[in-house]
N, C-alpha and C. Protein backbone atom coordinates (compact mmCIF):
# COMPACT_ATOMS: atom_id res chain seq x y z
N MET A 1 -7.11 -6.33 -12.37
CA MET A 1 -5.91 -5.81 -11.75
C MET A 1 -6.16 -5.66 -10.25
N ASN A 2 -5.19 -6.08 -9.49
CA ASN A 2 -5.28 -5.98 -8.03
C ASN A 2 -4.62 -4.67 -7.59
N LEU A 3 -5.39 -3.79 -6.99
CA LEU A 3 -4.87 -2.50 -6.53
C LEU A 3 -4.49 -2.58 -5.06
N SER A 4 -3.60 -1.73 -4.65
CA SER A 4 -3.07 -1.74 -3.28
C SER A 4 -4.04 -1.10 -2.30
N GLU A 5 -4.67 -1.95 -1.50
CA GLU A 5 -5.51 -1.43 -0.42
C GLU A 5 -4.64 -0.78 0.65
N MET A 6 -3.42 -1.27 0.79
CA MET A 6 -2.55 -0.78 1.86
C MET A 6 -2.09 0.66 1.61
N LEU A 7 -2.05 1.10 0.37
CA LEU A 7 -1.75 2.51 0.11
C LEU A 7 -2.86 3.38 0.70
N VAL A 8 -4.09 2.93 0.56
CA VAL A 8 -5.22 3.64 1.16
C VAL A 8 -5.10 3.62 2.67
N VAL A 9 -4.79 2.46 3.24
CA VAL A 9 -4.62 2.34 4.69
C VAL A 9 -3.53 3.27 5.18
N ARG A 10 -2.41 3.30 4.48
CA ARG A 10 -1.25 4.12 4.87
C ARG A 10 -1.62 5.60 4.93
N HIS A 11 -2.25 6.09 3.89
CA HIS A 11 -2.65 7.50 3.87
C HIS A 11 -3.72 7.79 4.92
N THR A 12 -4.61 6.83 5.14
CA THR A 12 -5.68 7.02 6.12
C THR A 12 -5.12 7.11 7.53
N TYR A 13 -4.15 6.26 7.87
CA TYR A 13 -3.52 6.34 9.19
C TYR A 13 -2.88 7.71 9.40
N SER A 14 -2.19 8.21 8.40
CA SER A 14 -1.53 9.51 8.51
C SER A 14 -2.56 10.61 8.76
N ARG A 15 -3.62 10.59 8.00
CA ARG A 15 -4.68 11.61 8.16
C ARG A 15 -5.34 11.50 9.52
N LYS A 16 -5.63 10.27 9.95
CA LYS A 16 -6.29 10.07 11.24
C LYS A 16 -5.39 10.52 12.40
N ALA A 17 -4.09 10.31 12.28
CA ALA A 17 -3.16 10.74 13.33
C ALA A 17 -3.20 12.26 13.47
N LYS A 18 -3.18 12.96 12.36
CA LYS A 18 -3.23 14.42 12.41
C LYS A 18 -4.55 14.90 13.01
N HIS A 19 -5.62 14.25 12.65
CA HIS A 19 -6.94 14.62 13.17
C HIS A 19 -7.02 14.32 14.67
N TYR A 20 -6.46 13.20 15.10
CA TYR A 20 -6.45 12.82 16.52
C TYR A 20 -5.73 13.88 17.36
N VAL A 21 -4.59 14.34 16.87
CA VAL A 21 -3.84 15.38 17.59
C VAL A 21 -4.61 16.70 17.56
N ARG A 22 -5.16 17.05 16.42
CA ARG A 22 -5.92 18.30 16.30
C ARG A 22 -7.10 18.32 17.26
N MET A 23 -7.70 17.15 17.48
CA MET A 23 -8.87 17.05 18.37
C MET A 23 -8.47 16.69 19.80
N HIS A 24 -7.17 16.75 20.09
CA HIS A 24 -6.64 16.50 21.45
C HIS A 24 -7.06 15.14 22.00
N GLY A 25 -7.14 14.14 21.12
CA GLY A 25 -7.43 12.78 21.56
C GLY A 25 -8.87 12.51 21.91
N THR A 26 -9.77 13.42 21.58
CA THR A 26 -11.18 13.22 21.94
C THR A 26 -11.93 12.34 20.95
N ILE A 27 -11.26 11.93 19.88
CA ILE A 27 -11.87 11.03 18.90
C ILE A 27 -11.10 9.71 18.94
N GLY A 28 -11.66 8.69 18.34
CA GLY A 28 -10.99 7.40 18.31
C GLY A 28 -9.82 7.38 17.34
N PHE A 29 -8.88 6.49 17.61
CA PHE A 29 -7.76 6.28 16.70
C PHE A 29 -7.52 4.78 16.61
N GLY A 30 -7.37 4.28 15.41
CA GLY A 30 -7.10 2.86 15.26
C GLY A 30 -7.35 2.40 13.84
N ALA A 31 -7.51 1.11 13.70
CA ALA A 31 -7.57 0.49 12.39
C ALA A 31 -8.89 0.67 11.65
N THR A 32 -9.91 1.14 12.31
CA THR A 32 -11.19 1.28 11.61
C THR A 32 -11.17 2.48 10.67
N GLY A 33 -11.99 2.40 9.65
CA GLY A 33 -12.06 3.49 8.70
C GLY A 33 -13.47 3.65 8.18
N LEU A 34 -13.64 4.65 7.35
CA LEU A 34 -14.94 4.94 6.75
C LEU A 34 -14.88 4.68 5.26
N ALA A 35 -16.01 4.43 4.66
CA ALA A 35 -16.06 4.16 3.22
C ALA A 35 -15.48 5.32 2.43
N GLY A 36 -15.69 6.53 2.90
CA GLY A 36 -15.18 7.70 2.19
C GLY A 36 -13.68 7.83 2.23
N ASP A 37 -13.01 7.13 3.14
CA ASP A 37 -11.55 7.21 3.23
C ASP A 37 -10.89 6.78 1.93
N ALA A 38 -11.35 5.68 1.36
CA ALA A 38 -10.75 5.17 0.13
C ALA A 38 -10.93 6.16 -1.01
N LEU A 39 -12.12 6.69 -1.15
CA LEU A 39 -12.38 7.65 -2.22
C LEU A 39 -11.52 8.90 -2.05
N ARG A 40 -11.38 9.36 -0.82
CA ARG A 40 -10.57 10.54 -0.54
C ARG A 40 -9.10 10.29 -0.91
N VAL A 41 -8.58 9.14 -0.52
CA VAL A 41 -7.18 8.82 -0.82
C VAL A 41 -6.96 8.75 -2.32
N VAL A 42 -7.84 8.09 -3.03
CA VAL A 42 -7.69 7.99 -4.49
C VAL A 42 -7.72 9.38 -5.11
N ARG A 43 -8.65 10.21 -4.68
CA ARG A 43 -8.77 11.57 -5.22
C ARG A 43 -7.54 12.42 -4.90
N GLU A 44 -7.04 12.33 -3.67
CA GLU A 44 -5.95 13.21 -3.24
C GLU A 44 -4.56 12.67 -3.56
N HIS A 45 -4.40 11.33 -3.57
CA HIS A 45 -3.06 10.77 -3.68
C HIS A 45 -2.87 9.79 -4.83
N GLY A 46 -3.94 9.17 -5.30
CA GLY A 46 -3.81 8.21 -6.38
C GLY A 46 -3.81 6.77 -5.88
N LEU A 47 -3.39 5.86 -6.75
CA LEU A 47 -3.35 4.43 -6.46
C LEU A 47 -2.12 3.80 -7.08
N VAL A 48 -1.80 2.61 -6.61
CA VAL A 48 -0.73 1.80 -7.21
C VAL A 48 -1.20 0.35 -7.24
N PRO A 49 -0.59 -0.46 -8.09
CA PRO A 49 -0.91 -1.89 -8.06
C PRO A 49 -0.41 -2.53 -6.76
N GLU A 50 -1.07 -3.60 -6.36
CA GLU A 50 -0.69 -4.34 -5.15
C GLU A 50 0.78 -4.76 -5.18
N GLY A 51 1.27 -5.18 -6.33
CA GLY A 51 2.66 -5.62 -6.45
C GLY A 51 3.67 -4.51 -6.22
N ILE A 52 3.27 -3.28 -6.33
CA ILE A 52 4.16 -2.14 -6.10
C ILE A 52 4.20 -1.78 -4.63
N TYR A 53 3.07 -1.87 -3.95
CA TYR A 53 3.01 -1.52 -2.52
C TYR A 53 2.01 -2.44 -1.84
N ASP A 54 2.55 -3.44 -1.12
CA ASP A 54 1.65 -4.38 -0.43
C ASP A 54 1.58 -4.15 1.07
N GLY A 55 2.42 -3.26 1.60
CA GLY A 55 2.37 -2.94 3.02
C GLY A 55 2.83 -4.05 3.95
N LYS A 56 3.60 -4.99 3.43
CA LYS A 56 4.08 -6.12 4.23
C LYS A 56 5.61 -6.13 4.24
N LEU A 57 6.19 -5.37 5.12
CA LEU A 57 7.65 -5.34 5.19
C LEU A 57 8.24 -6.65 5.66
N CYS A 58 7.57 -7.32 6.56
CA CYS A 58 8.10 -8.55 7.14
C CYS A 58 7.73 -9.78 6.32
N ARG A 59 7.11 -9.57 5.19
CA ARG A 59 6.68 -10.66 4.32
C ARG A 59 5.80 -11.67 5.04
N GLU A 60 4.99 -11.15 5.93
CA GLU A 60 4.02 -12.00 6.61
C GLU A 60 2.89 -12.32 5.63
N SER A 61 2.20 -13.40 5.88
CA SER A 61 1.13 -13.79 4.97
C SER A 61 -0.11 -12.89 5.12
N ARG A 62 -0.28 -12.32 6.31
CA ARG A 62 -1.44 -11.46 6.57
C ARG A 62 -0.98 -10.16 7.21
N HIS A 63 -1.80 -9.14 7.05
CA HIS A 63 -1.52 -7.88 7.74
C HIS A 63 -1.97 -8.00 9.19
N ASN A 64 -1.14 -7.51 10.09
CA ASN A 64 -1.50 -7.47 11.50
C ASN A 64 -1.02 -6.13 12.03
N HIS A 65 -1.94 -5.23 12.26
CA HIS A 65 -1.58 -3.87 12.64
C HIS A 65 -1.69 -3.61 14.13
N MET A 66 -1.89 -4.65 14.93
CA MET A 66 -2.08 -4.45 16.36
C MET A 66 -0.89 -3.76 17.01
N GLU A 67 0.32 -4.22 16.72
CA GLU A 67 1.50 -3.60 17.31
C GLU A 67 1.66 -2.17 16.81
N MET A 68 1.51 -1.97 15.50
CA MET A 68 1.63 -0.63 14.93
C MET A 68 0.60 0.31 15.54
N ASP A 69 -0.63 -0.16 15.68
CA ASP A 69 -1.68 0.66 16.30
C ASP A 69 -1.28 1.09 17.71
N ALA A 70 -0.75 0.14 18.49
CA ALA A 70 -0.36 0.44 19.87
C ALA A 70 0.79 1.44 19.92
N VAL A 71 1.77 1.28 19.03
CA VAL A 71 2.91 2.20 18.99
C VAL A 71 2.43 3.60 18.60
N LEU A 72 1.64 3.68 17.55
CA LEU A 72 1.14 4.98 17.10
C LEU A 72 0.29 5.66 18.18
N LYS A 73 -0.61 4.91 18.77
CA LYS A 73 -1.49 5.48 19.80
C LYS A 73 -0.68 5.96 21.00
N GLY A 74 0.32 5.19 21.40
CA GLY A 74 1.17 5.60 22.52
C GLY A 74 1.90 6.90 22.24
N ILE A 75 2.44 7.02 21.05
CA ILE A 75 3.15 8.25 20.69
C ILE A 75 2.19 9.42 20.56
N LEU A 76 1.05 9.19 19.93
CA LEU A 76 0.07 10.27 19.79
C LEU A 76 -0.42 10.75 21.15
N ASP A 77 -0.66 9.82 22.06
CA ASP A 77 -1.09 10.22 23.41
C ASP A 77 0.00 10.99 24.14
N ALA A 78 1.25 10.62 23.92
CA ALA A 78 2.36 11.36 24.53
C ALA A 78 2.44 12.77 23.95
N ILE A 79 2.20 12.89 22.66
CA ILE A 79 2.25 14.20 21.99
C ILE A 79 1.19 15.14 22.56
N ILE A 80 0.00 14.63 22.79
CA ILE A 80 -1.09 15.50 23.25
C ILE A 80 -1.18 15.60 24.76
N SER A 81 -0.32 14.91 25.49
CA SER A 81 -0.44 14.85 26.95
C SER A 81 -0.10 16.16 27.65
N LYS A 82 0.68 17.00 27.04
CA LYS A 82 1.08 18.26 27.67
C LYS A 82 0.09 19.34 27.29
N LYS A 83 -0.96 19.44 28.05
CA LYS A 83 -2.01 20.43 27.78
C LYS A 83 -1.43 21.84 27.81
N GLY A 84 -1.73 22.60 26.78
CA GLY A 84 -1.28 23.98 26.72
C GLY A 84 0.13 24.16 26.19
N ALA A 85 0.89 23.08 26.09
CA ALA A 85 2.26 23.19 25.59
C ALA A 85 2.24 23.19 24.06
N HIS A 86 3.26 23.80 23.49
CA HIS A 86 3.38 23.79 22.03
C HIS A 86 3.80 22.41 21.56
N LEU A 87 3.23 21.99 20.46
CA LEU A 87 3.59 20.69 19.89
C LEU A 87 4.96 20.78 19.23
N SER A 88 5.69 19.71 19.30
CA SER A 88 6.96 19.61 18.60
C SER A 88 6.70 19.75 17.10
N LYS A 89 7.62 20.37 16.40
CA LYS A 89 7.46 20.52 14.96
C LYS A 89 7.74 19.21 14.22
N VAL A 90 8.35 18.24 14.91
CA VAL A 90 8.71 17.00 14.23
C VAL A 90 7.72 15.86 14.46
N TRP A 91 6.66 16.10 15.20
CA TRP A 91 5.75 14.99 15.48
C TRP A 91 5.15 14.38 14.22
N PRO A 92 4.78 15.17 13.19
CA PRO A 92 4.23 14.51 11.99
C PRO A 92 5.26 13.60 11.31
N GLU A 93 6.53 14.03 11.31
CA GLU A 93 7.58 13.20 10.72
C GLU A 93 7.76 11.91 11.50
N THR A 94 7.59 11.98 12.82
CA THR A 94 7.70 10.80 13.66
C THR A 94 6.63 9.78 13.28
N ILE A 95 5.41 10.24 13.10
CA ILE A 95 4.31 9.35 12.72
C ILE A 95 4.57 8.75 11.35
N GLU A 96 5.01 9.58 10.39
CA GLU A 96 5.29 9.08 9.05
C GLU A 96 6.41 8.04 9.08
N SER A 97 7.42 8.26 9.92
CA SER A 97 8.52 7.29 10.03
C SER A 97 8.03 5.95 10.57
N ILE A 98 7.16 5.99 11.55
CA ILE A 98 6.61 4.74 12.10
C ILE A 98 5.80 4.01 11.03
N LEU A 99 5.00 4.74 10.29
CA LEU A 99 4.23 4.12 9.21
C LEU A 99 5.16 3.53 8.15
N ASP A 100 6.25 4.22 7.83
CA ASP A 100 7.23 3.68 6.89
C ASP A 100 7.86 2.40 7.42
N ILE A 101 8.16 2.37 8.71
CA ILE A 101 8.79 1.19 9.31
C ILE A 101 7.86 -0.01 9.23
N TYR A 102 6.60 0.18 9.57
CA TYR A 102 5.67 -0.94 9.60
C TYR A 102 5.07 -1.30 8.25
N LEU A 103 4.83 -0.31 7.41
CA LEU A 103 4.13 -0.55 6.14
C LEU A 103 5.00 -0.36 4.91
N GLY A 104 6.14 0.27 5.07
CA GLY A 104 7.01 0.56 3.93
C GLY A 104 6.80 1.96 3.41
N GLU A 105 7.83 2.48 2.77
CA GLU A 105 7.73 3.81 2.18
C GLU A 105 6.84 3.76 0.95
N MET A 106 6.05 4.78 0.79
CA MET A 106 5.17 4.84 -0.37
C MET A 106 5.98 5.25 -1.60
N PRO A 107 5.70 4.63 -2.73
CA PRO A 107 6.46 4.97 -3.93
C PRO A 107 6.07 6.34 -4.48
N GLU A 108 7.09 7.10 -4.85
CA GLU A 108 6.82 8.38 -5.52
C GLU A 108 6.55 8.15 -6.99
N SER A 109 7.25 7.15 -7.55
CA SER A 109 7.02 6.74 -8.93
C SER A 109 7.34 5.25 -9.04
N PHE A 110 6.85 4.62 -10.10
CA PHE A 110 7.07 3.19 -10.28
C PHE A 110 6.87 2.81 -11.74
N GLN A 111 7.39 1.65 -12.10
CA GLN A 111 7.24 1.11 -13.45
C GLN A 111 6.10 0.10 -13.46
N PHE A 112 5.25 0.20 -14.46
CA PHE A 112 4.17 -0.77 -14.64
C PHE A 112 3.87 -0.87 -16.12
N ASP A 113 3.88 -2.07 -16.66
CA ASP A 113 3.66 -2.30 -18.09
C ASP A 113 4.55 -1.40 -18.95
N ALA A 114 5.82 -1.36 -18.59
CA ALA A 114 6.85 -0.63 -19.34
C ALA A 114 6.62 0.89 -19.38
N LYS A 115 5.85 1.40 -18.45
CA LYS A 115 5.64 2.85 -18.34
C LYS A 115 5.95 3.28 -16.92
N THR A 116 6.34 4.54 -16.78
CA THR A 116 6.60 5.12 -15.46
C THR A 116 5.38 5.92 -15.03
N TYR A 117 4.95 5.67 -13.80
CA TYR A 117 3.79 6.35 -13.24
C TYR A 117 4.11 6.91 -11.87
N THR A 118 3.34 7.88 -11.47
CA THR A 118 3.22 8.25 -10.06
C THR A 118 1.89 7.65 -9.60
N PRO A 119 1.64 7.57 -8.31
CA PRO A 119 0.32 7.08 -7.89
C PRO A 119 -0.82 7.90 -8.50
N ARG A 120 -0.61 9.19 -8.63
CA ARG A 120 -1.65 10.06 -9.21
C ARG A 120 -1.88 9.75 -10.69
N THR A 121 -0.80 9.66 -11.49
CA THR A 121 -0.97 9.41 -12.92
C THR A 121 -1.52 8.02 -13.18
N PHE A 122 -1.16 7.06 -12.32
CA PHE A 122 -1.69 5.71 -12.47
C PHE A 122 -3.20 5.70 -12.22
N ALA A 123 -3.64 6.34 -11.17
CA ALA A 123 -5.08 6.40 -10.87
C ALA A 123 -5.83 7.12 -11.99
N ASP A 124 -5.23 8.15 -12.54
CA ASP A 124 -5.89 8.91 -13.60
C ASP A 124 -6.12 8.09 -14.86
N GLN A 125 -5.25 7.11 -15.11
CA GLN A 125 -5.40 6.33 -16.34
C GLN A 125 -6.28 5.10 -16.16
N LEU A 126 -6.74 4.84 -14.95
CA LEU A 126 -7.62 3.67 -14.72
C LEU A 126 -9.02 3.92 -15.25
């Protein structure tokens, strides 16, 4: 069975964006990840089959996150640029919306082999 790597990528980007803001941009942000990211995502959020979430909204043959990385980094840098100012309450939603635009909305539930799953219940039965 082919599992969705992009679900892991999607959750990892979200987590990294929050960490980048929390650390005031003093850490790197981008497409790189750590081996533990995948295990963390599976443990915290679950998994889905590739056919349910492939992260290719434009139906391109390959993933290319360069534009998305640049958009996210630009917005994150704008968010943290006002030293001492309070952060907007909507900045996390802004990041999630950008990820949805580029990678697609993550499924809350889905059908697979005539059963309904959430990402969590699907991962639990693997």
